[in-house]
Amino acid sequence: MTILRSAKVLYKDKLAFWLTNFSLLFILSSWSVFLFKRVKPDPLAVIHVNIYSGIDVIAGHNWLFIIPAIFLAASILNFWLAILLWTRSRLSAYLLLSTILFINLALFLYLFTILNYNT
């Protein structure tokens, strides 16, 4: 119950409010990319592209779903830690919330470009 109270107090702060909302926006947009760009169930899919050498990593198409799931789990963990650290150190909570925002922005850009190669 104290975590819910701490989450409500965290959400009332303006900077935490905007960081959380923009993070949720990027999380929803990165997962909605899968709705608009269908992934073909091929045994080989492009996972990473380098600007110098081209396609670096080729793996099964299931890795296109595992990588965003790992990022989602990391975002949930960071948000939980931000709630716990809110009463002790607001700067640490802000850092964790901004980390959520930046990793989900990077995930959205990654998925948008990688799914162009795999569709």
N, C-alpha and C. Protein backbone atom coordinates (compact mmCIF):
# COMPACT_ATOMS: atom_id res chain seq x y z
N MET A 1 0.80 -1.19 0.00
CA MET A 1 0.00 0.00 0.00
C MET A 1 0.85 1.26 0.00
N THR A 2 2.01 1.18 0.66
CA THR A 2 2.86 2.36 0.69
C THR A 2 3.46 2.66 -0.68
N ILE A 3 3.62 1.63 -1.49
CA ILE A 3 4.14 1.86 -2.84
C ILE A 3 3.13 2.63 -3.67
N LEU A 4 1.84 2.31 -3.52
CA LEU A 4 0.82 3.05 -4.25
C LEU A 4 0.75 4.51 -3.80
N ARG A 5 0.89 4.74 -2.51
CA ARG A 5 0.91 6.12 -2.02
C ARG A 5 2.12 6.87 -2.54
N SER A 6 3.28 6.20 -2.55
CA SER A 6 4.48 6.83 -3.07
C SER A 6 4.36 7.10 -4.58
N ALA A 7 3.70 6.19 -5.29
CA ALA A 7 3.49 6.39 -6.72
C ALA A 7 2.58 7.58 -6.98
N LYS A 8 1.55 7.77 -6.16
CA LYS A 8 0.67 8.92 -6.31
C LYS A 8 1.41 10.22 -6.04
N VAL A 9 2.26 10.21 -5.02
CA VAL A 9 3.04 11.41 -4.70
C VAL A 9 4.05 11.69 -5.81
N LEU A 10 4.67 10.64 -6.34
CA LEU A 10 5.62 10.79 -7.44
C LEU A 10 4.93 11.36 -8.66
N TYR A 11 3.73 10.89 -8.94
CA TYR A 11 3.00 11.32 -10.14
C TYR A 11 2.50 12.76 -10.01
N LYS A 12 2.40 13.29 -8.81
CA LYS A 12 1.95 14.67 -8.62
C LYS A 12 3.05 15.68 -8.93
N ASP A 13 4.31 15.25 -8.89
CA ASP A 13 5.41 16.14 -9.24
C ASP A 13 5.38 16.40 -10.76
N LYS A 14 5.59 17.65 -11.18
CA LYS A 14 5.43 18.00 -12.59
C LYS A 14 6.46 17.32 -13.49
N LEU A 15 7.71 17.35 -13.08
CA LEU A 15 8.74 16.73 -13.92
C LEU A 15 8.55 15.22 -13.99
N ALA A 16 8.25 14.61 -12.88
CA ALA A 16 8.00 13.16 -12.88
C ALA A 16 6.75 12.84 -13.69
N PHE A 17 5.75 13.70 -13.64
CA PHE A 17 4.53 13.51 -14.41
C PHE A 17 4.84 13.48 -15.91
N TRP A 18 5.61 14.46 -16.38
CA TRP A 18 5.91 14.53 -17.80
C TRP A 18 6.86 13.42 -18.23
N LEU A 19 7.84 13.10 -17.43
CA LEU A 19 8.74 12.00 -17.78
C LEU A 19 8.00 10.68 -17.86
N THR A 20 7.10 10.45 -16.92
CA THR A 20 6.32 9.21 -16.92
C THR A 20 5.38 9.14 -18.12
N ASN A 21 4.70 10.25 -18.42
CA ASN A 21 3.77 10.24 -19.54
C ASN A 21 4.46 10.08 -20.88
N PHE A 22 5.58 10.78 -21.08
CA PHE A 22 6.31 10.60 -22.33
C PHE A 22 6.90 9.20 -22.44
N SER A 23 7.32 8.63 -21.34
CA SER A 23 7.82 7.26 -21.36
C SER A 23 6.71 6.29 -21.74
N LEU A 24 5.54 6.47 -21.17
CA LEU A 24 4.40 5.62 -21.54
C LEU A 24 4.03 5.79 -23.00
N LEU A 25 4.14 7.01 -23.51
CA LEU A 25 3.86 7.27 -24.91
C LEU A 25 4.84 6.50 -25.80
N PHE A 26 6.12 6.52 -25.47
CA PHE A 26 7.09 5.78 -26.26
C PHE A 26 6.93 4.28 -26.12
N ILE A 27 6.55 3.81 -24.95
CA ILE A 27 6.31 2.37 -24.76
C ILE A 27 5.14 1.92 -25.63
N LEU A 28 4.05 2.68 -25.59
CA LEU A 28 2.89 2.32 -26.40
C LEU A 28 3.17 2.44 -27.88
N SER A 29 3.92 3.46 -28.28
CA SER A 29 4.22 3.61 -29.71
C SER A 29 5.17 2.54 -30.20
N SER A 30 6.12 2.14 -29.37
CA SER A 30 7.03 1.08 -29.83
C SER A 30 6.32 -0.26 -29.94
N TRP A 31 5.39 -0.55 -29.06
CA TRP A 31 4.64 -1.79 -29.19
C TRP A 31 3.58 -1.72 -30.28
N SER A 32 3.10 -0.51 -30.59
CA SER A 32 2.13 -0.40 -31.68
C SER A 32 2.79 -0.48 -33.05
N VAL A 33 4.10 -0.34 -33.11
CA VAL A 33 4.81 -0.53 -34.38
C VAL A 33 4.57 -1.95 -34.88
N PHE A 34 4.46 -2.90 -33.97
CA PHE A 34 4.20 -4.28 -34.37
C PHE A 34 2.82 -4.45 -35.00
N LEU A 35 1.89 -3.59 -34.65
CA LEU A 35 0.56 -3.69 -35.25
C LEU A 35 0.57 -3.23 -36.70
N PHE A 36 1.39 -2.23 -37.00
CA PHE A 36 1.40 -1.67 -38.35
C PHE A 36 2.42 -2.35 -39.26
N LYS A 37 3.47 -2.89 -38.71
CA LYS A 37 4.48 -3.58 -39.50
C LYS A 37 4.52 -5.03 -39.05
N ARG A 38 3.93 -5.87 -39.82
CA ARG A 38 3.87 -7.30 -39.46
C ARG A 38 5.23 -7.95 -39.63
N VAL A 39 5.57 -8.81 -38.70
CA VAL A 39 6.83 -9.55 -38.75
C VAL A 39 6.55 -10.91 -39.36
N LYS A 40 7.27 -11.20 -40.44
CA LYS A 40 7.11 -12.52 -41.07
C LYS A 40 7.85 -13.57 -40.24
N PRO A 41 7.24 -14.71 -40.01
CA PRO A 41 7.91 -15.75 -39.21
C PRO A 41 8.98 -16.49 -40.00
N ASP A 42 10.05 -15.80 -40.34
CA ASP A 42 11.17 -16.40 -41.05
C ASP A 42 12.16 -16.99 -40.06
N PRO A 43 12.92 -18.00 -40.48
CA PRO A 43 13.95 -18.53 -39.57
C PRO A 43 15.10 -17.54 -39.37
N LEU A 44 15.29 -16.62 -40.31
CA LEU A 44 16.35 -15.62 -40.18
C LEU A 44 15.74 -14.22 -40.29
N ALA A 45 16.10 -13.38 -39.34
CA ALA A 45 15.63 -12.00 -39.35
C ALA A 45 16.81 -11.09 -39.00
N VAL A 46 16.79 -9.90 -39.54
CA VAL A 46 17.84 -8.92 -39.26
C VAL A 46 17.58 -8.35 -37.87
N ILE A 47 18.58 -8.44 -36.99
CA ILE A 47 18.47 -7.96 -35.62
C ILE A 47 19.24 -6.66 -35.42
N HIS A 48 20.37 -6.50 -36.12
CA HIS A 48 21.18 -5.30 -35.95
C HIS A 48 21.79 -4.89 -37.28
N VAL A 49 21.80 -3.59 -37.54
CA VAL A 49 22.39 -3.04 -38.75
C VAL A 49 23.41 -1.99 -38.35
N ASN A 50 24.59 -2.08 -38.93
CA ASN A 50 25.67 -1.14 -38.66
C ASN A 50 25.85 -0.26 -39.89
N ILE A 51 26.16 1.02 -39.70
CA ILE A 51 26.29 1.91 -40.85
C ILE A 51 27.58 1.64 -41.62
N TYR A 52 28.56 1.02 -40.99
CA TYR A 52 29.84 0.77 -41.64
C TYR A 52 29.87 -0.56 -42.38
N SER A 53 29.31 -1.59 -41.79
CA SER A 53 29.42 -2.91 -42.41
C SER A 53 28.07 -3.51 -42.80
N GLY A 54 26.99 -2.80 -42.62
CA GLY A 54 25.69 -3.30 -43.02
C GLY A 54 25.06 -4.18 -41.95
N ILE A 55 24.50 -5.29 -42.37
CA ILE A 55 23.80 -6.18 -41.45
C ILE A 55 24.82 -6.94 -40.60
N ASP A 56 24.71 -6.81 -39.29
CA ASP A 56 25.66 -7.43 -38.35
C ASP A 56 25.13 -8.73 -37.77
N VAL A 57 23.90 -8.68 -37.26
CA VAL A 57 23.37 -9.82 -36.50
C VAL A 57 22.11 -10.32 -37.19
N ILE A 58 22.10 -11.63 -37.45
CA ILE A 58 20.92 -12.30 -38.00
C ILE A 58 20.55 -13.40 -37.03
N ALA A 59 19.29 -13.45 -36.64
CA ALA A 59 18.81 -14.46 -35.70
C ALA A 59 17.38 -14.82 -36.07
N GLY A 60 16.77 -15.63 -35.24
CA GLY A 60 15.38 -16.00 -35.45
C GLY A 60 14.44 -14.82 -35.24
N HIS A 61 13.27 -14.88 -35.85
CA HIS A 61 12.34 -13.75 -35.77
C HIS A 61 11.80 -13.54 -34.35
N ASN A 62 11.91 -14.53 -33.48
CA ASN A 62 11.41 -14.36 -32.11
C ASN A 62 12.23 -13.35 -31.32
N TRP A 63 13.49 -13.09 -31.73
CA TRP A 63 14.30 -12.07 -31.05
C TRP A 63 13.74 -10.68 -31.27
N LEU A 64 12.96 -10.49 -32.32
CA LEU A 64 12.32 -9.19 -32.52
C LEU A 64 11.27 -8.90 -31.46
N PHE A 65 10.80 -9.94 -30.77
CA PHE A 65 9.85 -9.76 -29.68
C PHE A 65 10.53 -9.84 -28.32
N ILE A 66 11.63 -10.56 -28.23
CA ILE A 66 12.32 -10.72 -26.94
C ILE A 66 13.01 -9.43 -26.52
N ILE A 67 13.65 -8.75 -27.47
CA ILE A 67 14.36 -7.51 -27.15
C ILE A 67 13.42 -6.44 -26.58
N PRO A 68 12.25 -6.16 -27.19
CA PRO A 68 11.34 -5.19 -26.57
C PRO A 68 10.79 -5.66 -25.23
N ALA A 69 10.64 -6.97 -25.04
CA ALA A 69 10.16 -7.47 -23.75
C ALA A 69 11.21 -7.22 -22.66
N ILE A 70 12.49 -7.36 -23.01
CA ILE A 70 13.55 -7.06 -22.05
C ILE A 70 13.55 -5.58 -21.70
N PHE A 71 13.36 -4.73 -22.69
CA PHE A 71 13.30 -3.29 -22.44
C PHE A 71 12.09 -2.93 -21.58
N LEU A 72 10.97 -3.60 -21.81
CA LEU A 72 9.78 -3.35 -20.99
C LEU A 72 10.01 -3.77 -19.55
N ALA A 73 10.66 -4.91 -19.36
CA ALA A 73 10.97 -5.36 -17.99
C ALA A 73 11.94 -4.39 -17.31
N ALA A 74 12.92 -3.88 -18.05
CA ALA A 74 13.85 -2.89 -17.48
C ALA A 74 13.13 -1.59 -17.13
N SER A 75 12.16 -1.20 -17.95
CA SER A 75 11.39 0.01 -17.66
C SER A 75 10.54 -0.14 -16.41
N ILE A 76 9.92 -1.31 -16.25
CA ILE A 76 9.11 -1.56 -15.06
C ILE A 76 9.99 -1.58 -13.81
N LEU A 77 11.16 -2.20 -13.91
CA LEU A 77 12.10 -2.22 -12.79
C LEU A 77 12.57 -0.82 -12.43
N ASN A 78 12.89 -0.01 -13.44
CA ASN A 78 13.33 1.36 -13.17
C ASN A 78 12.22 2.19 -12.54
N PHE A 79 10.98 2.00 -13.00
CA PHE A 79 9.87 2.76 -12.42
C PHE A 79 9.63 2.34 -10.97
N TRP A 80 9.74 1.05 -10.69
CA TRP A 80 9.58 0.57 -9.32
C TRP A 80 10.67 1.14 -8.42
N LEU A 81 11.91 1.16 -8.92
CA LEU A 81 13.00 1.73 -8.15
C LEU A 81 12.83 3.24 -7.96
N ALA A 82 12.29 3.92 -8.96
CA ALA A 82 12.05 5.37 -8.84
C ALA A 82 11.00 5.63 -7.76
N ILE A 83 9.99 4.80 -7.68
CA ILE A 83 8.98 4.97 -6.64
C ILE A 83 9.60 4.74 -5.26
N LEU A 84 10.43 3.71 -5.14
CA LEU A 84 11.06 3.44 -3.85
C LEU A 84 12.05 4.53 -3.45
N LEU A 85 12.76 5.10 -4.41
CA LEU A 85 13.76 6.12 -4.10
C LEU A 85 13.20 7.53 -4.02
N TRP A 86 11.93 7.71 -4.33
CA TRP A 86 11.34 9.05 -4.38
C TRP A 86 11.43 9.76 -3.03
N THR A 87 11.18 9.04 -1.95
CA THR A 87 11.20 9.68 -0.64
C THR A 87 12.61 9.94 -0.14
N ARG A 88 13.58 9.16 -0.60
CA ARG A 88 14.96 9.33 -0.13
C ARG A 88 15.74 10.32 -0.98
N SER A 89 15.69 10.14 -2.30
CA SER A 89 16.49 10.96 -3.19
C SER A 89 15.70 11.23 -4.46
N ARG A 90 15.23 12.45 -4.59
CA ARG A 90 14.44 12.78 -5.78
C ARG A 90 15.31 12.81 -7.04
N LEU A 91 16.55 13.18 -6.89
CA LEU A 91 17.44 13.21 -8.05
C LEU A 91 17.62 11.82 -8.64
N SER A 92 17.75 10.82 -7.81
CA SER A 92 17.86 9.44 -8.29
C SER A 92 16.58 9.01 -8.99
N ALA A 93 15.45 9.42 -8.45
CA ALA A 93 14.17 9.08 -9.09
C ALA A 93 14.04 9.76 -10.44
N TYR A 94 14.46 11.02 -10.53
CA TYR A 94 14.44 11.73 -11.81
C TYR A 94 15.37 11.06 -12.81
N LEU A 95 16.52 10.62 -12.34
CA LEU A 95 17.47 9.94 -13.21
C LEU A 95 16.89 8.63 -13.73
N LEU A 96 16.24 7.88 -12.87
CA LEU A 96 15.63 6.62 -13.31
C LEU A 96 14.48 6.87 -14.29
N LEU A 97 13.67 7.89 -14.03
CA LEU A 97 12.57 8.19 -14.93
C LEU A 97 13.07 8.68 -16.29
N SER A 98 14.13 9.47 -16.29
CA SER A 98 14.67 9.90 -17.58
C SER A 98 15.36 8.75 -18.30
N THR A 99 15.91 7.80 -17.56
CA THR A 99 16.47 6.60 -18.18
C THR A 99 15.39 5.79 -18.88
N ILE A 100 14.23 5.69 -18.25
CA ILE A 100 13.10 5.00 -18.88
C ILE A 100 12.73 5.69 -20.18
N LEU A 101 12.69 7.00 -20.15
CA LEU A 101 12.33 7.76 -21.35
C LEU A 101 13.34 7.51 -22.47
N PHE A 102 14.62 7.58 -22.18
CA PHE A 102 15.62 7.46 -23.23
C PHE A 102 15.76 6.04 -23.76
N ILE A 103 15.62 5.03 -22.91
CA ILE A 103 15.73 3.67 -23.44
C ILE A 103 14.52 3.32 -24.29
N ASN A 104 13.36 3.87 -23.95
CA ASN A 104 12.19 3.58 -24.77
C ASN A 104 12.19 4.39 -26.06
N LEU A 105 12.79 5.57 -26.05
CA LEU A 105 12.98 6.31 -27.29
C LEU A 105 13.93 5.55 -28.21
N ALA A 106 15.02 5.04 -27.64
CA ALA A 106 15.97 4.25 -28.43
C ALA A 106 15.31 2.96 -28.94
N LEU A 107 14.49 2.34 -28.13
CA LEU A 107 13.78 1.13 -28.55
C LEU A 107 12.83 1.42 -29.70
N PHE A 108 12.12 2.55 -29.63
CA PHE A 108 11.20 2.91 -30.71
C PHE A 108 11.96 3.12 -32.01
N LEU A 109 13.06 3.84 -31.96
CA LEU A 109 13.85 4.06 -33.17
C LEU A 109 14.44 2.76 -33.70
N TYR A 110 14.89 1.90 -32.80
CA TYR A 110 15.43 0.60 -33.19
C TYR A 110 14.37 -0.24 -33.89
N LEU A 111 13.19 -0.34 -33.29
CA LEU A 111 12.14 -1.16 -33.88
C LEU A 111 11.66 -0.59 -35.20
N PHE A 112 11.58 0.72 -35.29
CA PHE A 112 11.11 1.33 -36.52
C PHE A 112 12.06 1.04 -37.67
N THR A 113 13.36 1.10 -37.42
CA THR A 113 14.31 0.84 -38.51
C THR A 113 14.48 -0.66 -38.78
N ILE A 114 14.52 -1.47 -37.74
CA ILE A 114 14.74 -2.91 -37.95
C ILE A 114 13.54 -3.56 -38.61
N LEU A 115 12.35 -3.13 -38.25
CA LEU A 115 11.18 -3.74 -38.88
C LEU A 115 11.03 -3.34 -40.34
N ASN A 116 11.67 -2.25 -40.75
CA ASN A 116 11.70 -1.92 -42.19
C ASN A 116 12.52 -2.94 -42.96
N TYR A 117 13.56 -3.49 -42.35
CA TYR A 117 14.36 -4.52 -43.00
C TYR A 117 13.66 -5.87 -43.02
N ASN A 118 12.82 -6.14 -42.05
CA ASN A 118 12.22 -7.46 -41.90
C ASN A 118 10.81 -7.59 -42.46
N THR A 119 10.28 -6.56 -43.06
CA THR A 119 8.92 -6.68 -43.62
C THR A 119 8.96 -6.85 -45.11
